[in-house]
Amino acid sequence: MPFIECHIAAGLTPARREQLMRDIIQVTHDAIGSDPKIINVILHEHPRENISISSRINGEEFKAQKTG
């Protein structure tokens, strides 16, 4: 029974979250043939300010501080 966890930025509408989960279930079924009834999806929503992507924090490039 597959468990798929997705970490996403907060802000999707309830309808969009539901569609995302339906799409993930469908793709998983198509990819590995699991019965959709046993596919589990967990969405973890995080505030955008708690997410750093490609060393960018709140849209700004991270600047390493010199230590020592």
Foldseek 3Di string as FASTA:
>chain_A
DAEAEEEEEDDDDPVVVVVVVVVVLVVVCVPPVDDSVPYHYHYHHDHQQVDADPCDHPNHHHDDDDDD
